[in-house]
N, C-alpha and C. Protein backbone atom coordinates (compact mmCIF):
# COMPACT_ATOMS: atom_id res chain seq x y z
N MET A 1 5.19 -15.90 9.17
CA MET A 1 6.12 -15.83 8.06
C MET A 1 6.89 -14.52 8.15
N PRO A 2 8.20 -14.56 8.38
CA PRO A 2 9.00 -13.34 8.44
C PRO A 2 9.12 -12.71 7.05
N ILE A 3 8.91 -11.40 7.00
CA ILE A 3 9.08 -10.68 5.74
C ILE A 3 9.85 -9.39 6.00
N VAL A 4 10.35 -8.81 4.93
CA VAL A 4 11.04 -7.53 5.02
C VAL A 4 10.37 -6.58 4.03
N ILE A 5 10.29 -5.32 4.42
CA ILE A 5 9.77 -4.27 3.55
C ILE A 5 10.97 -3.46 3.08
N ARG A 6 11.04 -3.22 1.78
CA ARG A 6 12.14 -2.43 1.23
C ARG A 6 11.64 -1.64 0.04
N GLN A 7 12.47 -0.72 -0.42
CA GLN A 7 12.14 0.08 -1.60
C GLN A 7 12.08 -0.83 -2.83
N MET A 8 11.12 -0.58 -3.69
CA MET A 8 10.99 -1.35 -4.93
C MET A 8 12.16 -1.04 -5.86
N ARG A 9 12.64 -2.09 -6.57
CA ARG A 9 13.74 -1.95 -7.52
C ARG A 9 13.30 -2.45 -8.90
N ASN A 10 14.09 -2.12 -9.90
CA ASN A 10 13.78 -2.54 -11.28
C ASN A 10 13.60 -4.05 -11.39
N GLU A 11 14.39 -4.82 -10.69
CA GLU A 11 14.28 -6.28 -10.81
C GLU A 11 13.00 -6.83 -10.19
N ASP A 12 12.24 -5.98 -9.49
CA ASP A 12 10.96 -6.40 -8.91
C ASP A 12 9.78 -6.22 -9.86
N ILE A 13 9.98 -5.50 -10.95
CA ILE A 13 8.87 -5.09 -11.81
C ILE A 13 8.04 -6.27 -12.29
N ARG A 14 8.67 -7.34 -12.75
CA ARG A 14 7.91 -8.48 -13.26
C ARG A 14 7.01 -9.07 -12.18
N GLN A 15 7.55 -9.27 -10.99
CA GLN A 15 6.76 -9.85 -9.91
C GLN A 15 5.64 -8.91 -9.45
N VAL A 16 5.93 -7.62 -9.41
CA VAL A 16 4.92 -6.64 -9.01
C VAL A 16 3.79 -6.60 -10.05
N ALA A 17 4.15 -6.65 -11.32
CA ALA A 17 3.14 -6.67 -12.38
C ALA A 17 2.26 -7.92 -12.26
N GLU A 18 2.84 -9.05 -11.87
CA GLU A 18 2.06 -10.27 -11.66
C GLU A 18 1.09 -10.11 -10.49
N ILE A 19 1.53 -9.44 -9.43
CA ILE A 19 0.65 -9.19 -8.28
C ILE A 19 -0.51 -8.31 -8.72
N ASP A 20 -0.21 -7.27 -9.50
CA ASP A 20 -1.27 -6.41 -10.03
C ASP A 20 -2.26 -7.22 -10.87
N GLN A 21 -1.74 -8.03 -11.77
CA GLN A 21 -2.60 -8.82 -12.65
C GLN A 21 -3.46 -9.78 -11.85
N ASP A 22 -2.90 -10.34 -10.79
CA ASP A 22 -3.63 -11.27 -9.94
C ASP A 22 -4.76 -10.56 -9.17
N ASN A 23 -4.47 -9.36 -8.67
CA ASN A 23 -5.44 -8.63 -7.85
C ASN A 23 -6.39 -7.75 -8.67
N PHE A 24 -5.90 -7.24 -9.80
CA PHE A 24 -6.68 -6.32 -10.63
C PHE A 24 -6.65 -6.78 -12.08
N PRO A 25 -7.23 -7.96 -12.38
CA PRO A 25 -7.09 -8.55 -13.72
C PRO A 25 -7.65 -7.70 -14.85
N LYS A 26 -8.60 -6.85 -14.57
CA LYS A 26 -9.21 -6.05 -15.63
C LYS A 26 -8.75 -4.60 -15.62
N MET A 27 -7.76 -4.27 -14.78
CA MET A 27 -7.32 -2.88 -14.68
C MET A 27 -6.68 -2.43 -15.99
N GLN A 28 -7.18 -1.34 -16.50
CA GLN A 28 -6.64 -0.75 -17.72
C GLN A 28 -6.49 0.75 -17.50
N PRO A 29 -5.40 1.34 -17.91
CA PRO A 29 -4.21 0.66 -18.41
C PRO A 29 -3.41 0.06 -17.25
N GLN A 30 -2.59 -0.92 -17.56
CA GLN A 30 -1.71 -1.51 -16.56
C GLN A 30 -0.65 -0.47 -16.17
N THR A 31 -0.24 -0.50 -14.92
CA THR A 31 0.77 0.45 -14.44
C THR A 31 2.11 0.16 -15.10
N ASN A 32 2.77 1.20 -15.56
CA ASN A 32 4.12 1.10 -16.13
C ASN A 32 5.11 1.35 -15.00
N TYR A 33 5.53 0.27 -14.34
CA TYR A 33 6.39 0.42 -13.16
C TYR A 33 7.79 0.90 -13.51
N LYS A 34 8.26 0.62 -14.69
CA LYS A 34 9.58 1.13 -15.09
C LYS A 34 9.54 2.66 -15.07
N ARG A 35 8.45 3.22 -15.59
CA ARG A 35 8.29 4.68 -15.58
C ARG A 35 8.05 5.18 -14.15
N GLU A 36 7.27 4.44 -13.38
CA GLU A 36 6.98 4.85 -12.01
C GLU A 36 8.26 4.97 -11.18
N LEU A 37 9.20 4.04 -11.40
CA LEU A 37 10.44 4.07 -10.61
C LEU A 37 11.34 5.24 -10.96
N THR A 38 11.11 5.87 -12.11
CA THR A 38 11.90 7.06 -12.47
C THR A 38 11.13 8.35 -12.19
N ASN A 39 9.88 8.25 -11.81
CA ASN A 39 9.04 9.41 -11.52
C ASN A 39 9.45 9.97 -10.15
N LYS A 40 9.85 11.22 -10.12
CA LYS A 40 10.31 11.84 -8.87
C LYS A 40 9.20 12.06 -7.86
N LEU A 41 7.95 11.91 -8.29
CA LEU A 41 6.82 12.07 -7.38
C LEU A 41 6.36 10.75 -6.76
N SER A 42 6.85 9.61 -7.29
CA SER A 42 6.34 8.32 -6.83
C SER A 42 7.32 7.60 -5.91
N TYR A 43 6.73 6.88 -4.96
CA TYR A 43 7.49 6.10 -3.98
C TYR A 43 6.81 4.75 -3.85
N TYR A 44 7.57 3.68 -4.06
CA TYR A 44 7.04 2.32 -3.99
C TYR A 44 7.88 1.47 -3.05
N ILE A 45 7.18 0.62 -2.30
CA ILE A 45 7.83 -0.35 -1.44
C ILE A 45 7.28 -1.73 -1.77
N VAL A 46 8.06 -2.76 -1.44
CA VAL A 46 7.62 -4.13 -1.65
C VAL A 46 7.82 -4.92 -0.36
N ALA A 47 7.01 -5.96 -0.21
CA ALA A 47 7.17 -6.93 0.88
C ALA A 47 7.79 -8.17 0.26
N CYS A 48 8.88 -8.66 0.88
CA CYS A 48 9.59 -9.83 0.37
C CYS A 48 9.72 -10.88 1.47
N ASN A 49 9.74 -12.13 1.05
CA ASN A 49 10.01 -13.23 1.96
C ASN A 49 11.44 -13.06 2.46
N VAL A 50 11.62 -12.95 3.78
CA VAL A 50 12.93 -12.66 4.35
C VAL A 50 13.94 -13.76 4.08
N LYS A 51 13.49 -14.97 3.89
CA LYS A 51 14.40 -16.08 3.63
C LYS A 51 15.13 -15.92 2.30
N SER A 52 14.55 -15.12 1.41
CA SER A 52 15.13 -15.00 0.08
C SER A 52 15.72 -13.63 -0.21
N VAL A 53 15.69 -12.72 0.76
CA VAL A 53 16.13 -11.35 0.51
C VAL A 53 17.57 -11.27 0.03
N ASN A 54 18.44 -12.09 0.57
CA ASN A 54 19.85 -12.02 0.21
C ASN A 54 20.21 -12.88 -1.00
N ILE A 55 19.26 -13.59 -1.55
CA ILE A 55 19.49 -14.42 -2.73
C ILE A 55 18.73 -13.79 -3.88
N LYS A 56 19.43 -13.07 -4.71
CA LYS A 56 18.78 -12.25 -5.73
C LYS A 56 17.84 -13.05 -6.62
N LYS A 57 18.23 -14.26 -7.03
CA LYS A 57 17.42 -15.03 -7.97
C LYS A 57 16.11 -15.50 -7.37
N SER A 58 16.04 -15.65 -6.04
CA SER A 58 14.80 -16.12 -5.44
C SER A 58 14.21 -15.08 -4.50
N ASN A 59 14.42 -13.81 -4.83
CA ASN A 59 13.88 -12.72 -4.04
C ASN A 59 12.39 -12.60 -4.35
N ILE A 60 11.56 -13.22 -3.53
CA ILE A 60 10.14 -13.34 -3.82
C ILE A 60 9.37 -12.14 -3.27
N VAL A 61 8.80 -11.36 -4.18
CA VAL A 61 7.98 -10.21 -3.82
C VAL A 61 6.56 -10.73 -3.58
N ILE A 62 6.01 -10.41 -2.40
CA ILE A 62 4.67 -10.90 -2.07
C ILE A 62 3.66 -9.77 -1.91
N GLY A 63 4.12 -8.52 -1.97
CA GLY A 63 3.21 -7.39 -1.86
C GLY A 63 3.87 -6.11 -2.31
N VAL A 64 3.04 -5.14 -2.65
CA VAL A 64 3.54 -3.85 -3.14
C VAL A 64 2.61 -2.74 -2.66
N ALA A 65 3.19 -1.58 -2.43
CA ALA A 65 2.40 -0.39 -2.10
C ALA A 65 3.16 0.82 -2.62
N GLY A 66 2.41 1.82 -3.04
CA GLY A 66 3.06 3.02 -3.53
C GLY A 66 2.16 4.24 -3.44
N PHE A 67 2.79 5.39 -3.45
CA PHE A 67 2.05 6.65 -3.48
C PHE A 67 2.78 7.66 -4.33
N TRP A 68 2.03 8.66 -4.76
CA TRP A 68 2.57 9.84 -5.40
C TRP A 68 2.51 10.96 -4.39
N LEU A 69 3.60 11.69 -4.25
CA LEU A 69 3.65 12.81 -3.32
C LEU A 69 3.49 14.11 -4.10
N MET A 70 2.40 14.81 -3.83
CA MET A 70 2.12 16.09 -4.48
C MET A 70 1.93 17.14 -3.40
N VAL A 71 2.87 18.06 -3.36
CA VAL A 71 2.96 19.07 -2.32
C VAL A 71 3.06 18.33 -0.99
N ALA A 72 2.06 18.39 -0.13
CA ALA A 72 2.14 17.70 1.16
C ALA A 72 1.12 16.58 1.25
N GLU A 73 0.63 16.13 0.09
CA GLU A 73 -0.36 15.05 0.06
C GLU A 73 0.23 13.81 -0.60
N ALA A 74 0.17 12.70 0.11
CA ALA A 74 0.59 11.41 -0.45
C ALA A 74 -0.67 10.69 -0.92
N HIS A 75 -0.75 10.46 -2.22
CA HIS A 75 -1.91 9.79 -2.79
C HIS A 75 -1.54 8.33 -3.06
N ILE A 76 -2.12 7.42 -2.28
CA ILE A 76 -1.82 5.99 -2.44
C ILE A 76 -2.42 5.52 -3.76
N VAL A 77 -1.56 5.02 -4.63
CA VAL A 77 -1.99 4.57 -5.95
C VAL A 77 -2.06 3.04 -6.04
N ASN A 78 -1.45 2.36 -5.08
CA ASN A 78 -1.47 0.90 -5.12
C ASN A 78 -1.15 0.33 -3.74
N LEU A 79 -1.88 -0.71 -3.38
CA LEU A 79 -1.56 -1.53 -2.22
C LEU A 79 -2.16 -2.90 -2.54
N ALA A 80 -1.28 -3.86 -2.80
CA ALA A 80 -1.74 -5.19 -3.22
C ALA A 80 -0.80 -6.26 -2.68
N VAL A 81 -1.39 -7.42 -2.40
CA VAL A 81 -0.65 -8.57 -1.88
C VAL A 81 -1.01 -9.78 -2.73
N LYS A 82 -0.02 -10.66 -2.96
CA LYS A 82 -0.31 -11.90 -3.67
C LYS A 82 -1.49 -12.60 -3.00
N GLN A 83 -2.39 -13.12 -3.82
CA GLN A 83 -3.62 -13.74 -3.29
C GLN A 83 -3.34 -14.81 -2.23
N VAL A 84 -2.31 -15.63 -2.43
CA VAL A 84 -2.04 -16.72 -1.49
C VAL A 84 -1.57 -16.20 -0.13
N TYR A 85 -1.22 -14.92 -0.05
CA TYR A 85 -0.77 -14.32 1.20
C TYR A 85 -1.82 -13.40 1.82
N HIS A 86 -3.03 -13.38 1.27
CA HIS A 86 -4.10 -12.55 1.85
C HIS A 86 -4.43 -13.04 3.26
N GLN A 87 -4.88 -12.11 4.09
CA GLN A 87 -5.31 -12.39 5.47
C GLN A 87 -4.15 -12.86 6.36
N LYS A 88 -2.94 -12.44 6.04
CA LYS A 88 -1.77 -12.79 6.86
C LYS A 88 -1.07 -11.53 7.42
N GLY A 89 -1.74 -10.38 7.35
CA GLY A 89 -1.20 -9.15 7.92
C GLY A 89 -0.22 -8.40 7.04
N ILE A 90 -0.01 -8.86 5.82
CA ILE A 90 0.98 -8.24 4.95
C ILE A 90 0.47 -6.91 4.40
N GLY A 91 -0.79 -6.85 4.00
CA GLY A 91 -1.35 -5.58 3.53
C GLY A 91 -1.30 -4.52 4.61
N GLU A 92 -1.62 -4.94 5.82
CA GLU A 92 -1.56 -4.00 6.95
C GLU A 92 -0.13 -3.54 7.20
N LEU A 93 0.82 -4.46 7.11
CA LEU A 93 2.22 -4.09 7.28
C LEU A 93 2.67 -3.11 6.20
N LEU A 94 2.25 -3.34 4.97
CA LEU A 94 2.56 -2.40 3.89
C LEU A 94 1.95 -1.03 4.18
N LEU A 95 0.72 -0.99 4.68
CA LEU A 95 0.08 0.28 4.99
C LEU A 95 0.84 1.01 6.10
N ILE A 96 1.25 0.30 7.13
CA ILE A 96 2.05 0.91 8.20
C ILE A 96 3.31 1.54 7.62
N ASN A 97 3.98 0.80 6.75
CA ASN A 97 5.22 1.30 6.17
C ASN A 97 4.98 2.44 5.19
N ILE A 98 3.86 2.44 4.49
CA ILE A 98 3.52 3.57 3.60
C ILE A 98 3.28 4.83 4.44
N LEU A 99 2.60 4.66 5.57
CA LEU A 99 2.39 5.80 6.46
C LEU A 99 3.72 6.34 6.98
N ASP A 100 4.62 5.44 7.36
CA ASP A 100 5.95 5.86 7.82
C ASP A 100 6.71 6.59 6.72
N LEU A 101 6.66 6.05 5.50
CA LEU A 101 7.36 6.67 4.36
C LEU A 101 6.76 8.04 4.05
N ALA A 102 5.45 8.15 4.10
CA ALA A 102 4.80 9.45 3.86
C ALA A 102 5.26 10.48 4.89
N LEU A 103 5.37 10.06 6.14
CA LEU A 103 5.88 10.96 7.18
C LEU A 103 7.33 11.36 6.89
N GLU A 104 8.12 10.37 6.51
CA GLU A 104 9.53 10.63 6.18
C GLU A 104 9.67 11.63 5.04
N LYS A 105 8.73 11.59 4.09
CA LYS A 105 8.76 12.49 2.94
C LYS A 105 8.01 13.79 3.22
N ASN A 106 7.63 14.00 4.47
CA ASN A 106 7.01 15.23 4.96
C ASN A 106 5.59 15.46 4.46
N ALA A 107 4.86 14.40 4.20
CA ALA A 107 3.45 14.53 3.83
C ALA A 107 2.63 14.91 5.07
N ASP A 108 1.58 15.64 4.84
CA ASP A 108 0.66 16.00 5.92
C ASP A 108 -0.52 15.04 5.99
N LEU A 109 -0.94 14.54 4.83
CA LEU A 109 -2.10 13.65 4.79
C LEU A 109 -1.97 12.68 3.64
N LEU A 110 -2.79 11.64 3.69
CA LEU A 110 -2.83 10.64 2.62
C LEU A 110 -4.25 10.55 2.09
N THR A 111 -4.36 10.24 0.80
CA THR A 111 -5.65 10.02 0.16
C THR A 111 -5.56 8.75 -0.67
N LEU A 112 -6.72 8.22 -1.03
CA LEU A 112 -6.77 7.05 -1.91
C LEU A 112 -8.19 6.87 -2.40
N GLU A 113 -8.34 6.02 -3.41
CA GLU A 113 -9.65 5.56 -3.85
C GLU A 113 -9.67 4.05 -3.67
N VAL A 114 -10.84 3.54 -3.31
CA VAL A 114 -11.02 2.10 -3.11
C VAL A 114 -12.42 1.73 -3.60
N ARG A 115 -12.53 0.56 -4.19
CA ARG A 115 -13.84 0.11 -4.68
C ARG A 115 -14.86 0.12 -3.54
N VAL A 116 -16.07 0.57 -3.84
CA VAL A 116 -17.11 0.59 -2.80
C VAL A 116 -17.42 -0.81 -2.29
N SER A 117 -17.14 -1.83 -3.08
CA SER A 117 -17.41 -3.22 -2.67
C SER A 117 -16.28 -3.85 -1.86
N ASN A 118 -15.14 -3.17 -1.73
CA ASN A 118 -13.98 -3.74 -1.05
C ASN A 118 -14.02 -3.40 0.44
N ASN A 119 -14.93 -4.05 1.15
CA ASN A 119 -15.12 -3.77 2.58
C ASN A 119 -13.89 -4.10 3.41
N THR A 120 -13.14 -5.12 3.04
CA THR A 120 -11.93 -5.48 3.79
C THR A 120 -10.94 -4.31 3.78
N ALA A 121 -10.69 -3.77 2.60
CA ALA A 121 -9.76 -2.64 2.48
C ALA A 121 -10.31 -1.40 3.17
N ILE A 122 -11.59 -1.11 2.98
CA ILE A 122 -12.19 0.07 3.61
C ILE A 122 -12.05 -0.03 5.13
N ASN A 123 -12.31 -1.19 5.70
CA ASN A 123 -12.17 -1.37 7.15
C ASN A 123 -10.73 -1.18 7.61
N LEU A 124 -9.78 -1.69 6.83
CA LEU A 124 -8.36 -1.51 7.18
C LEU A 124 -7.99 -0.03 7.17
N TYR A 125 -8.39 0.66 6.11
CA TYR A 125 -8.06 2.09 6.02
C TYR A 125 -8.70 2.88 7.15
N GLN A 126 -9.94 2.57 7.48
CA GLN A 126 -10.60 3.27 8.59
C GLN A 126 -9.88 3.01 9.91
N LYS A 127 -9.44 1.79 10.10
CA LYS A 127 -8.69 1.43 11.31
C LYS A 127 -7.46 2.32 11.46
N TYR A 128 -6.85 2.69 10.34
CA TYR A 128 -5.63 3.49 10.36
C TYR A 128 -5.89 4.99 10.16
N GLY A 129 -7.11 5.43 10.41
CA GLY A 129 -7.38 6.85 10.45
C GLY A 129 -7.85 7.49 9.15
N PHE A 130 -8.20 6.68 8.16
CA PHE A 130 -8.77 7.23 6.93
C PHE A 130 -10.28 7.39 7.12
N PHE A 131 -10.80 8.44 6.53
CA PHE A 131 -12.24 8.72 6.59
C PHE A 131 -12.80 8.74 5.17
N LYS A 132 -14.04 8.33 5.04
CA LYS A 132 -14.73 8.42 3.75
C LYS A 132 -15.04 9.88 3.50
N ARG A 133 -14.59 10.39 2.36
CA ARG A 133 -14.78 11.81 2.05
C ARG A 133 -15.70 12.05 0.86
N GLY A 134 -15.97 11.00 0.09
CA GLY A 134 -16.82 11.18 -1.07
C GLY A 134 -16.82 9.94 -1.94
N ILE A 135 -17.49 10.06 -3.08
CA ILE A 135 -17.61 8.96 -4.04
C ILE A 135 -17.19 9.47 -5.41
N ARG A 136 -16.43 8.67 -6.13
CA ARG A 136 -16.14 8.94 -7.55
C ARG A 136 -17.00 7.96 -8.34
N ARG A 137 -18.01 8.47 -8.99
CA ARG A 137 -18.94 7.64 -9.75
C ARG A 137 -18.27 7.04 -10.98
N GLY A 138 -18.46 5.72 -11.17
CA GLY A 138 -17.94 5.04 -12.35
C GLY A 138 -16.43 5.10 -12.48
N TYR A 139 -15.73 5.17 -11.38
CA TYR A 139 -14.28 5.39 -11.36
C TYR A 139 -13.50 4.25 -12.02
N TYR A 140 -13.92 3.03 -11.80
CA TYR A 140 -13.19 1.87 -12.33
C TYR A 140 -13.68 1.57 -13.75
N LEU A 141 -12.74 1.62 -14.69
CA LEU A 141 -13.08 1.50 -16.11
C LEU A 141 -13.57 0.11 -16.50
N ASP A 142 -13.11 -0.93 -15.78
CA ASP A 142 -13.47 -2.29 -16.18
C ASP A 142 -14.95 -2.59 -15.99
N ASP A 143 -15.56 -2.08 -14.91
CA ASP A 143 -16.96 -2.39 -14.66
C ASP A 143 -17.78 -1.18 -14.20
N GLN A 144 -17.17 0.00 -14.27
CA GLN A 144 -17.83 1.26 -13.90
C GLN A 144 -18.21 1.33 -12.42
N GLU A 145 -17.58 0.48 -11.58
CA GLU A 145 -17.88 0.53 -10.14
C GLU A 145 -17.41 1.87 -9.57
N ASP A 146 -18.15 2.35 -8.59
CA ASP A 146 -17.80 3.59 -7.91
C ASP A 146 -16.61 3.34 -6.98
N ALA A 147 -15.91 4.43 -6.67
CA ALA A 147 -14.81 4.39 -5.71
C ALA A 147 -15.15 5.28 -4.53
N VAL A 148 -14.77 4.84 -3.35
CA VAL A 148 -14.85 5.66 -2.16
C VAL A 148 -13.56 6.46 -2.08
N ILE A 149 -13.67 7.76 -1.92
CA ILE A 149 -12.50 8.62 -1.69
C ILE A 149 -12.27 8.62 -0.19
N MET A 150 -11.05 8.26 0.21
CA MET A 150 -10.72 8.23 1.63
C MET A 150 -9.48 9.08 1.87
N THR A 151 -9.43 9.74 3.00
CA THR A 151 -8.29 10.57 3.34
C THR A 151 -8.08 10.57 4.86
N THR A 152 -6.88 10.89 5.24
CA THR A 152 -6.57 11.03 6.67
C THR A 152 -6.67 12.50 7.05
N ASP A 153 -6.72 12.75 8.33
CA ASP A 153 -6.45 14.08 8.84
C ASP A 153 -4.92 14.19 8.86
N ASN A 154 -4.40 15.24 9.43
CA ASN A 154 -2.95 15.45 9.46
C ASN A 154 -2.25 14.30 10.18
N ILE A 155 -1.36 13.61 9.47
CA ILE A 155 -0.67 12.44 10.03
C ILE A 155 0.48 12.83 10.96
N LYS A 156 0.78 14.12 11.04
CA LYS A 156 1.87 14.57 11.90
C LYS A 156 1.41 14.87 13.32
N THR A 157 0.09 14.82 13.55
CA THR A 157 -0.41 15.14 14.88
C THR A 157 -0.05 14.05 15.89
N ARG A 158 0.01 14.44 17.13
CA ARG A 158 0.32 13.50 18.21
C ARG A 158 -0.75 12.40 18.28
N ILE A 159 -2.01 12.77 18.10
CA ILE A 159 -3.10 11.78 18.16
C ILE A 159 -2.92 10.72 17.08
N PHE A 160 -2.66 11.16 15.85
CA PHE A 160 -2.48 10.20 14.76
C PHE A 160 -1.27 9.31 15.03
N GLN A 161 -0.16 9.92 15.45
CA GLN A 161 1.06 9.16 15.71
C GLN A 161 0.87 8.16 16.84
N ASN A 162 0.18 8.55 17.90
CA ASN A 162 -0.08 7.63 19.01
C ASN A 162 -0.90 6.44 18.54
N ASN A 163 -1.95 6.71 17.75
CA ASN A 163 -2.79 5.63 17.24
C ASN A 163 -1.98 4.70 16.33
N LEU A 164 -1.15 5.27 15.47
CA LEU A 164 -0.31 4.47 14.58
C LEU A 164 0.63 3.57 15.39
N ASN A 165 1.23 4.11 16.43
CA ASN A 165 2.14 3.31 17.25
C ASN A 165 1.41 2.18 17.99
N ILE A 166 0.21 2.45 18.46
CA ILE A 166 -0.59 1.40 19.11
C ILE A 166 -0.93 0.30 18.11
N LEU A 167 -1.37 0.68 16.92
CA LEU A 167 -1.72 -0.30 15.89
C LEU A 167 -0.50 -1.09 15.43
N ARG A 168 0.65 -0.41 15.33
CA ARG A 168 1.89 -1.10 14.95
C ARG A 168 2.24 -2.18 15.97
N LYS A 169 2.11 -1.86 17.25
CA LYS A 169 2.40 -2.84 18.30
C LYS A 169 1.42 -4.01 18.27
N LYS A 170 0.14 -3.71 18.07
CA LYS A 170 -0.86 -4.77 17.97
C LYS A 170 -0.58 -5.68 16.78
N HIS A 171 -0.18 -5.08 15.67
CA HIS A 171 0.15 -5.88 14.48
C HIS A 171 1.33 -6.79 14.77
N GLN A 172 2.35 -6.24 15.42
CA GLN A 172 3.53 -7.04 15.76
C GLN A 172 3.18 -8.17 16.72
N GLN A 173 2.33 -7.91 17.70
CA GLN A 173 1.92 -8.95 18.64
C GLN A 173 1.15 -10.07 17.94
N LYS A 174 0.30 -9.69 17.00
CA LYS A 174 -0.51 -10.69 16.31
C LYS A 174 0.29 -11.49 15.29
N TRP A 175 1.15 -10.81 14.54
CA TRP A 175 1.81 -11.46 13.40
C TRP A 175 3.29 -11.75 13.65
N GLY A 176 3.84 -11.30 14.77
CA GLY A 176 5.24 -11.60 15.07
C GLY A 176 6.17 -10.49 14.65
N ASN A 177 7.42 -10.68 14.99
CA ASN A 177 8.44 -9.67 14.70
C ASN A 177 8.82 -9.73 13.23
N ARG A 178 8.51 -8.67 12.54
CA ARG A 178 8.83 -8.60 11.11
C ARG A 178 9.83 -7.49 10.90
N ALA A 179 10.69 -7.71 9.93
CA ALA A 179 11.76 -6.73 9.64
C ALA A 179 11.18 -5.43 9.12
């Protein structure tokens, strides 16, 4: 399925909120994306079905990712894909693009929290150079589940960049040429 990654816009908010609700039904408080899009520290991208990108009314958002940039640290606050599109490489594509955007914004490293039970996400992040750095006890308000704190080493290093390029090529080979 060809998709395009682009910067999130105001007209995407409803669809992005639905993706959040689908993936994080008990998350409180819900993210205020209207405010996020005006926050000078936040950067959000969306994955859209390429067939509908040029038709505004049917511009279907199928995934979202975002981070807050504080000094030289990009803190990933969201990475989610519509449930029907899970296991199709879209989350990985969003992560690749978030890493590229963080580099473009001159970040040195990325951090995030992920549920200790979310092995799929933890494995993806580890594949892309994130390391487990600690635990936040009772981090998730809905069920008090702990979060794993994960962070990268410096993403500007040649080693990190080489690994990212190898993984990008493998992703493209597996899932096809995506915009």
